Each structure stands twice: as structure tokens, then as C-alpha cells.
């Protein structure tokens, strides 16, 4: 109904809807290597051309799992363009930026000269020295991350959402529309956070927040809104370590200004008897299955291991963390608020996995052959076999 120049393949009987796209449950595989973020603006394609050229494979039925998709987000922007008859960048300029007075914001790439001269320059440390990096081009998939903006402009955007679509005398969204956008539209489990429409929700010390974070290679940003406290937080970092900084800022803020004592929990004494149900390697659905990018996730996976002390242990964010069962298939971090939840298949076996801080990214149990053990071991075995055969061939050749 909304795509005019190409169609998404009908891999499954159920079609993808806008609700699936806005909740990241469309079922697309991950993709983007070599075309999502560019450094050469001459290689940028019109969105409708790029979207038709790089259609990702559909690997799940719509609505089955949440899996963050830049392609789906760009697809939503293309539909705005098709329905309105106005180019996406111009539509956002006319209906959001200008009405809210966001005069230092643009989806246009390369940036207009008036904004380019004020643009922060990304840096990366190379050989021990910070080196400036070129401007990142996402224009072919602009709605997925091409926005350049300032903290002042983002403050205006947040205030409009805190007031259900209004800033001063300007109304960019009807109140009912804003409330719908801010409400939960998909959850893997009612006991953890979920996806809104575009935004997602997180909980910090008992406070519900809605917003969105994001990363390019050079910049790392987060926007979170606490409607109950009439509070908005926007942070943006550049360079190495920025992703970690932006992911921890909001929690640190709430620990300082809205502290909440962490309830101590005691592991059930009989959990060891059923811990093996959850043990295994789980793989996020945000991965590639059909192109060369599949190799990038070969060693991926979240390993869940029973500790023998009535808890589960999992490596997360580069750290090993222990989790205690607090309800059926629901666990809380021993020394933190993070929750993880498991889902069962039709036979009652544990199959799926979710983390409350990532409502846009679910995982499922991997087959043994795809576990991190095999992924890390098989390449070494293959190399050893290759060297053995090669050395044998060289020895025989020398004999002759």
C-alpha cells in the first residue's frame, strides 16, 4: 500500500506492517556492511534506489521477535515520503525542525555549509594519537541515523514530547497520537520493558523512561524522557569509550538524584536442580544469515552457565554477571537491577532469551554447531588440518 517503486518479498504469509517496523519486529536479518555508513558522498544513492538494492532477507515471521533494524527504520521514512509526496528530509524540516525552532538540525548529507562549519569532528586513537575522522554519510538510509543536531535542539524536541506534541504555541503531534507513540506496542514478556512506536522504554530506579540511543563509528548518543518527572536527558559522546559512557549516564544520573536501594535477594535453595534448563548459548536475532556479513557473527552468542550455587552466570558487556531466579523464567542480577527473561517453546523447553534493557533485541538458543565453542574451535582445527596437509604435501614433493 505504501511502497511504490519496489516490494518486499512475500517470504511469509503475513505481510509486514508499519507497526512491525516501528517496533522492530519486521523479521529482517541484519545488514549494512559497505553501504549503510559511507565516507564518500559521491557513492550515496537516492533512498528508493538503495532500499530496493539492499533488501535484507526475511528470517522471522512478522511479530515473532524484536530485532533492531536500520533498514526497517529507513523503510518507514521512505513510506512517509511516498505518502506525503515530499522528500523525507524536507518533510522533517517542514513539520518538525522549523515549527520547533530546531535551526541547527538536518538530515541532509553532506551537511549544508551553514551547519558544516559548526559540526563536531569525530576522532579515533590510532598508534596512540587521536586522529580526526571524515564525516560519516548515512544519507542513502537517512531516517536510520543521518540526523546531525545540537543538545539545544534536542532539548526542544524532548520538551515537545513531554508536553504530548506541543512546544509553546506549536503543536507537531496531536495529544492522542503522542500518547500512542509513547505507549507499549510490543513486549516479549510483561515483566520486562518493551517497545513503543519508534521509542522504547527502560526503567531506572523505578522510573519509566522512553527514548532512543544510537551509535555511529564516531558518535554515541542517548535520549531519554521521564514524563512523570517532566525530565528529559540527552547526552552525546565522540570517540573511543563513548558507547560505554552514553549507556551508563542515565543510570548514574538516577543513582545520584533518584536513589533507590537495591533489594537483596536470596537464591532458591533448589534452583541447581533445574539450572540446566537454561544453560546454553543464545544468539541475538540481529545477525546476518545470507551474505558475507554472516562471518562477522560467527563467534557471537550469549553463554548462560549454571554456577552450582543456585544462580546463573552470563557474560554481558564484557563482564561476567550472576542472576537469581525471582519468578518463573525470570531472573535478576545479584548485584544490580538488570533482569533477564527466558521463553519456552510449544513443548515447554527453554528456547528464547530477552534482556530488559534491550527491548529491541531478543535472542534464541543456538544449535550446538553454532555455539561459541564450535565457532572458536572449528577455525583452529581447520587451520591445523590445512597445515598438516600442506606440510605433508611439501614433504612428499621434496622426496620426489
Protein backbone atom coordinates (compact mmCIF):
# COMPACT_ATOMS: atom_id res chain seq x y z
CA UNK A 1 0.00 0.00 0.00
CA UNK A 2 2.86 2.40 0.75
CA UNK A 3 5.83 1.23 -1.36
CA UNK A 4 5.50 2.45 -4.93
CA UNK A 5 8.78 1.57 -6.65
CA UNK A 6 9.55 -1.90 -5.24
CA UNK A 7 8.04 -4.56 -2.98
CA UNK A 8 9.34 -6.57 -0.03
CA UNK A 9 9.42 -10.30 -0.96
CA UNK A 10 6.45 -12.25 0.41
CA UNK A 11 8.60 -14.74 2.32
CA UNK A 12 5.85 -15.38 4.85
CA UNK A 13 2.09 -15.43 4.53
CA UNK A 14 1.69 -12.50 6.91
CA UNK A 15 2.81 -9.16 5.46
CA UNK A 16 4.99 -6.67 7.29
CA UNK A 17 3.01 -3.74 8.70
CA UNK A 18 4.03 -0.29 9.90
CA UNK A 19 3.51 -1.46 13.48
CA UNK A 20 6.06 -4.23 12.92
CA UNK A 21 8.51 -1.70 11.52
CA UNK A 22 8.02 0.77 14.38
CA UNK A 23 8.52 -1.97 16.99
CA UNK A 24 11.48 -3.63 15.19
CA UNK A 25 9.54 -6.87 14.79
CA UNK A 26 9.52 -6.95 10.97
CA UNK A 27 11.76 -10.04 10.92
CA UNK A 28 14.64 -8.73 8.76
CA UNK A 29 18.17 -10.05 9.11
CA UNK A 30 20.95 -7.56 9.91
CA UNK A 31 22.87 -5.92 7.07
CA UNK A 32 24.80 -2.79 6.20
CA UNK A 33 28.44 -3.65 5.53
CA UNK A 34 29.82 -1.35 2.86
CA UNK A 35 26.62 0.60 2.21
CA UNK A 36 24.93 1.80 5.41
CA UNK A 37 27.69 4.20 6.54
CA UNK A 38 29.86 5.74 3.82
CA UNK A 39 32.74 8.19 3.84
CA UNK A 40 32.50 9.18 0.16
CA UNK A 41 29.37 11.28 -0.54
CA UNK A 42 29.60 10.51 -4.28
CA UNK A 43 28.65 6.90 -3.51
CA UNK A 44 25.39 7.92 -1.84
CA UNK A 45 22.24 6.65 -3.58
CA UNK A 46 18.69 8.03 -3.51
CA UNK A 47 16.82 6.23 -0.72
CA UNK A 48 14.34 4.48 -3.01
CA UNK A 49 17.24 3.12 -5.08
CA UNK A 50 19.32 1.99 -2.08
CA UNK A 51 16.30 0.45 -0.36
CA UNK A 52 15.44 -1.59 -3.46
CA UNK A 53 19.05 -2.66 -3.99
CA UNK A 54 19.77 -3.83 -0.43
CA UNK A 55 16.57 -5.59 0.69
CA UNK A 56 17.58 -7.82 3.61
CA UNK A 57 16.40 -11.39 3.84
CA UNK A 58 13.34 -12.02 6.00
CA UNK A 59 14.34 -14.59 8.64
CA UNK A 60 11.35 -14.42 11.01
CA UNK A 61 7.62 -14.09 10.67
CA UNK A 62 6.49 -10.52 11.45
CA UNK A 63 5.87 -10.03 15.14
CA UNK A 64 7.79 -13.14 16.25
CA UNK A 65 10.86 -11.41 17.73
CA UNK A 66 12.23 -7.93 18.20
CA UNK A 67 15.46 -7.33 16.30
CA UNK A 68 16.67 -3.79 15.71
CA UNK A 69 16.70 -2.96 12.00
CA UNK A 70 18.18 0.15 10.41
CA UNK A 71 16.65 -0.99 7.13
CA UNK A 72 13.16 -1.07 8.65
CA UNK A 73 13.60 2.43 10.08
CA UNK A 74 14.71 3.74 6.69
CA UNK A 75 11.74 1.96 5.15
CA UNK A 76 9.39 3.90 7.44
CA UNK A 77 10.95 7.16 6.26
CA UNK A 78 10.56 6.14 2.62
CA UNK A 79 6.87 5.48 3.22
CA UNK A 80 6.48 8.95 4.75
CA UNK A 81 7.99 10.28 1.54
CA UNK A 82 5.71 8.18 -0.68
CA UNK A 83 2.51 9.06 1.17
CA UNK A 84 3.23 12.77 1.65
CA UNK A 85 4.73 13.34 -1.80
CA UNK A 86 7.54 15.31 -0.11
CA UNK A 87 11.18 14.14 0.19
CA UNK A 88 11.82 12.80 3.69
CA UNK A 89 14.47 15.40 4.61
CA UNK A 90 12.17 18.22 3.55
CA UNK A 91 9.17 16.70 5.32
CA UNK A 92 11.06 16.60 8.63
CA UNK A 93 12.33 20.16 8.06
CA UNK A 94 8.80 21.47 7.42
CA UNK A 95 6.94 19.53 10.10
CA UNK A 96 9.41 19.17 12.99
CA UNK A 97 12.54 21.31 12.73
CA UNK A 98 11.03 24.63 11.64
CA UNK A 99 7.95 24.51 13.92
CA UNK A 100 10.09 23.66 16.97
CA UNK A 101 12.84 26.14 16.11
CA UNK A 102 15.42 23.37 15.67
CA UNK A 103 17.59 25.58 13.47
CA UNK A 104 20.79 23.56 13.89
CA UNK A 105 19.37 20.18 12.85
CA UNK A 106 19.36 18.46 9.46
CA UNK A 107 19.10 15.06 7.78
CA UNK A 108 20.75 16.47 4.65
CA UNK A 109 24.15 14.97 3.80
CA UNK A 110 26.70 16.30 3.16
CA UNK A 111 25.67 18.98 5.61
CA UNK A 112 24.74 22.46 4.32
CA UNK A 113 27.68 24.85 4.71
CA UNK A 114 25.96 26.85 7.47
CA UNK A 115 25.83 23.72 9.65
CA UNK A 116 29.00 22.05 8.40
CA UNK A 117 31.23 24.83 9.76
CA UNK A 118 29.91 24.13 13.28
CA UNK A 119 29.99 20.32 13.02
CA UNK A 120 31.98 18.44 15.66
CA UNK A 121 34.81 16.38 14.20
CA UNK A 122 34.99 12.73 15.21
CA UNK A 123 38.33 11.34 16.38
CA UNK A 124 39.79 7.90 16.89
CA UNK A 125 43.00 6.93 18.59
CA UNK A 126 45.50 5.42 16.15
CA UNK A 127 49.01 4.40 17.15
CA UNK A 128 48.48 6.18 20.46
CA UNK A 129 47.45 9.52 18.90
CA UNK A 130 43.98 10.97 18.29
CA UNK A 131 43.30 11.33 14.56
CA UNK A 132 40.42 13.29 13.04
CA UNK A 133 37.94 11.21 11.05
CA UNK A 134 35.84 12.10 7.99
CA UNK A 135 32.15 12.91 8.24
CA UNK A 136 30.00 9.77 8.16
CA UNK A 137 27.42 9.59 5.37
CA UNK A 138 24.16 7.71 6.07
CA UNK A 139 22.11 9.64 3.52
CA UNK A 140 21.05 6.60 1.49
CA UNK A 141 19.23 5.38 4.62
CA UNK A 142 18.74 8.80 6.21
CA UNK A 143 15.89 8.03 8.66
CA UNK A 144 18.09 5.37 10.29
CA UNK A 145 20.74 7.80 11.52
CA UNK A 146 21.61 10.77 9.28
CA UNK A 147 20.45 13.43 11.74
CA UNK A 148 23.04 15.99 12.80
CA UNK A 149 21.86 18.14 15.69
CA UNK A 150 22.77 20.00 18.87
CA UNK A 151 21.88 19.46 22.52
CA UNK A 152 19.85 22.70 22.44
CA UNK A 153 17.75 21.49 19.52
CA UNK A 154 17.25 18.06 21.08
CA UNK A 155 16.06 19.78 24.26
CA UNK A 156 13.27 21.40 22.23
CA UNK A 157 12.39 18.01 20.74
CA UNK A 158 12.21 16.43 24.22
CA UNK A 159 10.09 19.28 25.62
CA UNK A 160 7.60 18.77 22.79
CA UNK A 161 7.27 15.10 23.76
CA UNK A 162 7.00 15.93 27.47
CA UNK A 163 4.03 18.12 26.51
CA UNK A 164 2.45 15.43 24.30
CA UNK A 165 3.39 17.03 21.00
CA UNK A 166 3.32 20.72 21.97
CA UNK A 167 6.05 23.31 22.46
CA UNK A 168 4.68 26.71 23.37
CA UNK A 169 2.02 27.57 20.81
CA UNK A 170 3.22 24.95 18.32
CA UNK A 171 1.55 21.52 18.09
CA UNK A 172 3.52 18.99 15.99
CA UNK A 173 1.54 15.95 17.20
CA UNK A 174 -1.98 15.57 18.50
CA UNK A 175 -2.01 14.55 22.17
CA UNK A 176 -3.67 11.20 21.38
CA UNK A 177 -1.02 10.49 18.75
CA UNK A 178 1.80 11.33 21.16
CA UNK A 179 0.31 9.12 23.87
CA UNK A 180 0.01 6.27 21.38
CA UNK A 181 3.63 6.74 20.33
CA UNK A 182 4.73 6.68 23.98
CA UNK A 183 2.73 3.56 24.89
CA UNK A 184 4.00 -0.02 24.78
CA UNK A 185 3.24 -1.69 21.46
CA UNK A 186 5.29 -4.89 21.85
CA UNK A 187 6.75 -6.87 24.74
CA UNK A 188 8.50 -10.21 24.78
CA UNK A 189 7.24 -10.64 28.37
CA UNK A 190 5.03 -8.42 30.53
CA UNK A 191 7.64 -8.42 33.31
CA UNK A 192 10.33 -6.60 31.32
CA UNK A 193 10.49 -3.37 29.31
CA UNK A 194 9.01 -3.14 25.82
CA UNK A 195 8.94 -1.32 22.50
CA UNK A 196 6.82 1.76 21.95
CA UNK A 197 6.26 3.11 18.44
CA UNK A 198 9.73 4.34 17.49
CA UNK A 199 10.76 4.94 21.09
CA UNK A 200 11.48 2.12 23.55
CA UNK A 201 11.10 2.05 27.31
CA UNK A 202 13.66 1.48 30.06
CA UNK A 203 13.33 1.60 33.83
CA UNK A 204 15.82 3.37 36.10
CA UNK A 205 15.36 3.07 39.88
CA UNK A 206 11.65 2.51 39.39
CA UNK A 207 11.17 5.37 36.90
CA UNK A 208 9.79 4.58 33.45
CA UNK A 209 11.64 6.35 30.67
CA UNK A 210 11.07 6.39 26.93
CA UNK A 211 13.60 7.30 24.31
CA UNK A 212 16.26 6.02 21.97
CA UNK A 213 20.03 5.61 21.90
CA UNK A 214 22.30 5.20 18.93
CA UNK A 215 25.83 4.88 17.66
CA UNK A 216 27.84 5.56 14.54
CA UNK A 217 31.55 4.80 14.39
CA UNK A 218 32.40 8.29 15.66
CA UNK A 219 29.47 9.40 17.83
CA UNK A 220 27.42 7.81 20.62
CA UNK A 221 24.19 9.42 21.82
CA UNK A 222 21.25 8.74 24.10
CA UNK A 223 17.90 10.48 24.58
CA UNK A 224 15.60 9.53 27.46
CA UNK A 225 12.37 11.14 28.68
CA UNK A 226 10.77 10.71 32.10
CA UNK A 227 7.24 12.00 31.66
CA UNK A 228 6.29 11.50 35.31
CA UNK A 229 9.14 13.77 36.44
CA UNK A 230 8.86 16.15 33.45
CA UNK A 231 12.51 15.40 32.76
CA UNK A 232 14.50 14.86 29.57
CA UNK A 233 18.13 13.77 29.29
CA UNK A 234 20.25 13.95 26.15
CA UNK A 235 23.93 13.01 26.03
CA UNK A 236 26.34 12.63 23.14
CA UNK A 237 29.93 11.44 23.17
CA UNK A 238 32.55 11.10 20.48
CA UNK A 239 35.43 8.70 20.14
CA UNK A 240 36.55 5.53 21.86
CA UNK A 241 34.68 4.74 25.06
CA UNK A 242 31.73 6.91 24.09
CA UNK A 243 29.36 3.96 23.71
CA UNK A 244 30.05 2.89 27.29
CA UNK A 245 29.67 6.46 28.53
CA UNK A 246 26.32 7.10 26.93
CA UNK A 247 24.94 3.73 28.09
CA UNK A 248 25.79 4.43 31.75
CA UNK A 249 25.00 8.14 32.06
CA UNK A 250 21.25 7.87 32.72
CA UNK A 251 21.64 5.15 35.35
CA UNK A 252 24.33 7.21 37.11
CA UNK A 253 22.08 10.27 37.00
CA UNK A 254 19.20 8.39 38.65
CA UNK A 255 21.51 6.83 41.22
CA UNK A 256 22.54 10.39 42.19
CA UNK A 257 19.20 12.22 42.13
CA UNK A 258 16.60 9.44 42.46
CA UNK A 259 18.44 6.80 44.50
CA UNK A 260 16.74 3.51 45.17
CA UNK A 261 18.17 0.83 47.44
CA UNK A 262 18.66 -2.46 45.66
CA UNK A 263 16.59 -5.16 47.29
CA UNK A 264 18.68 -8.09 48.44
CA UNK A 265 17.54 -11.42 47.05
CA UNK A 266 18.32 -14.96 48.14
CA UNK A 267 18.69 -17.69 45.51
CA UNK A 268 16.12 -20.51 45.78
CA UNK A 269 17.77 -23.46 47.50
CA UNK A 270 16.52 -25.91 44.87
CA UNK A 271 17.49 -23.93 41.77
CA UNK A 272 20.51 -26.12 40.98
CA UNK A 273 18.04 -28.92 40.21
CA UNK A 274 16.61 -27.01 37.24
CA UNK A 275 19.50 -24.75 36.27
CA UNK A 276 20.44 -26.96 33.32
CA UNK A 277 17.16 -25.98 31.61
CA UNK A 278 18.61 -22.53 30.94
CA UNK A 279 22.23 -23.46 30.19
CA UNK A 280 23.40 -22.91 26.64
CA UNK A 281 24.40 -20.36 24.05
CA UNK A 282 21.84 -17.82 22.83
CA UNK A 283 22.23 -15.72 19.70
CA UNK A 284 20.68 -12.31 19.12
CA UNK A 285 18.32 -12.21 16.16
CA UNK A 286 20.15 -9.11 14.98
CA UNK A 287 22.56 -11.03 12.79
CA UNK A 288 23.11 -11.90 9.15
CA UNK A 289 22.30 -15.28 7.61
CA UNK A 290 22.62 -14.85 3.86
CA UNK A 291 25.64 -12.70 2.91
CA UNK A 292 29.33 -12.41 3.69
CA UNK A 293 28.35 -10.43 6.82
CA UNK A 294 27.39 -13.76 8.39
CA UNK A 295 31.08 -14.27 9.17
CA UNK A 296 31.04 -11.22 11.48
CA UNK A 297 28.76 -13.03 13.91
CA UNK A 298 30.35 -16.45 13.79
CA UNK A 299 31.77 -16.12 17.30
CA UNK A 300 28.74 -14.34 18.71
CA UNK A 301 26.42 -15.64 21.37
CA UNK A 302 25.50 -15.17 25.00
CA UNK A 303 26.60 -18.11 27.10
CA UNK A 304 24.42 -18.93 30.10
CA UNK A 305 26.15 -21.19 32.66
CA UNK A 306 24.91 -22.61 35.99
CA UNK A 307 27.28 -21.66 38.82
CA UNK A 308 26.44 -24.56 41.11
CA UNK A 309 25.43 -22.00 43.75
CA UNK A 310 21.76 -21.74 42.71
CA UNK A 311 22.45 -18.90 40.27
CA UNK A 312 23.15 -18.46 36.56
CA UNK A 313 26.19 -16.68 35.17
CA UNK A 314 26.32 -14.81 31.89
CA UNK A 315 28.91 -12.66 30.17
CA UNK A 316 27.35 -9.29 29.42
CA UNK A 317 29.02 -6.06 28.29
CA UNK A 318 32.45 -7.60 28.77
CA UNK A 319 31.66 -8.59 32.36
CA UNK A 320 30.54 -11.84 33.98
CA UNK A 321 27.31 -11.34 35.95
CA UNK A 322 25.27 -13.65 38.14
CA UNK A 323 21.49 -13.84 38.11
CA UNK A 324 18.97 -15.12 40.65
CA UNK A 325 15.58 -16.64 39.85
CA UNK A 326 12.81 -14.34 41.11
CA UNK A 327 9.83 -15.80 39.20
CA UNK A 328 9.16 -18.46 36.61
CA UNK A 329 11.79 -17.99 33.85
CA UNK A 330 12.59 -14.52 35.25
CA UNK A 331 15.95 -13.59 36.81
CA UNK A 332 17.53 -10.51 38.37
CA UNK A 333 21.20 -9.62 38.56
CA UNK A 334 22.62 -10.44 42.00
CA UNK A 335 24.27 -7.03 42.44
CA UNK A 336 22.24 -4.89 40.05
CA UNK A 337 18.75 -4.18 38.71
CA UNK A 338 19.14 -5.90 35.32
CA UNK A 339 16.53 -8.54 34.54
CA UNK A 340 16.67 -11.37 32.02
CA UNK A 341 13.74 -13.50 30.94
CA UNK A 342 13.52 -16.83 29.14
CA UNK A 343 10.77 -18.05 26.84
CA UNK A 344 9.54 -21.58 26.23
CA UNK A 345 8.66 -23.39 23.00
CA UNK A 346 5.42 -25.31 22.48
CA UNK A 347 6.88 -28.31 24.36
CA UNK A 348 7.92 -26.29 27.41
CA UNK A 349 11.62 -26.29 26.58
CA UNK A 350 13.62 -23.09 27.07
CA UNK A 351 14.20 -21.51 23.65
CA UNK A 352 14.23 -17.71 23.82
CA UNK A 353 16.04 -15.07 25.81
CA UNK A 354 15.48 -11.36 26.48
CA UNK A 355 17.15 -8.57 28.49
CA UNK A 356 15.01 -5.79 29.92
CA UNK A 357 17.46 -3.05 28.89
CA UNK A 358 17.27 -4.20 25.26
CA UNK A 359 13.56 -4.50 24.39
CA UNK A 360 14.51 -4.12 20.71
CA UNK A 361 16.77 -7.17 20.58
CA UNK A 362 15.79 -10.72 21.52
CA UNK A 363 17.79 -13.93 21.27
CA UNK A 364 17.14 -17.64 20.83
CA UNK A 365 19.08 -20.77 21.73
CA UNK A 366 21.73 -21.68 19.16
CA UNK A 367 22.22 -25.17 17.76
CA UNK A 368 25.36 -26.75 19.23
CA UNK A 369 27.22 -26.44 15.93
CA UNK A 370 26.75 -22.65 16.08
CA UNK A 371 27.77 -22.22 19.72
CA UNK A 372 30.71 -20.05 20.62
CA UNK A 373 32.76 -23.17 21.50
CA UNK A 374 32.42 -24.57 17.99
CA UNK A 375 32.75 -21.13 16.41
CA UNK A 376 36.05 -20.57 18.20
CA UNK A 377 37.34 -24.15 17.96
CA UNK A 378 36.48 -25.21 14.42
CA UNK A 379 38.59 -22.49 12.71
CA UNK A 380 41.60 -23.62 14.74
CA UNK A 381 41.01 -27.27 13.89
CA UNK A 382 40.57 -26.37 10.23
CA UNK A 383 43.83 -24.40 10.22
CA UNK A 384 45.65 -27.29 11.90
CA UNK A 385 44.33 -29.75 9.29
CA UNK A 386 45.32 -27.38 6.49
CA UNK A 387 48.87 -27.03 7.84
CA UNK A 388 49.14 -30.80 8.29
CA UNK A 389 48.08 -31.46 4.71
CA UNK A 390 50.27 -28.66 3.37
CA UNK A 391 53.36 -29.86 5.28
CA UNK A 392 52.71 -33.43 4.12
CA UNK A 393 52.45 -32.26 0.53
CA UNK A 394 55.68 -30.26 0.83
CA UNK A 395 57.49 -33.26 2.36
CA UNK A 396 56.36 -35.61 -0.43
CA UNK A 397 57.29 -33.03 -3.05
CA UNK A 398 60.80 -32.76 -1.55
CA UNK A 399 61.20 -36.56 -1.68
CA UNK A 400 60.49 -36.59 -5.40
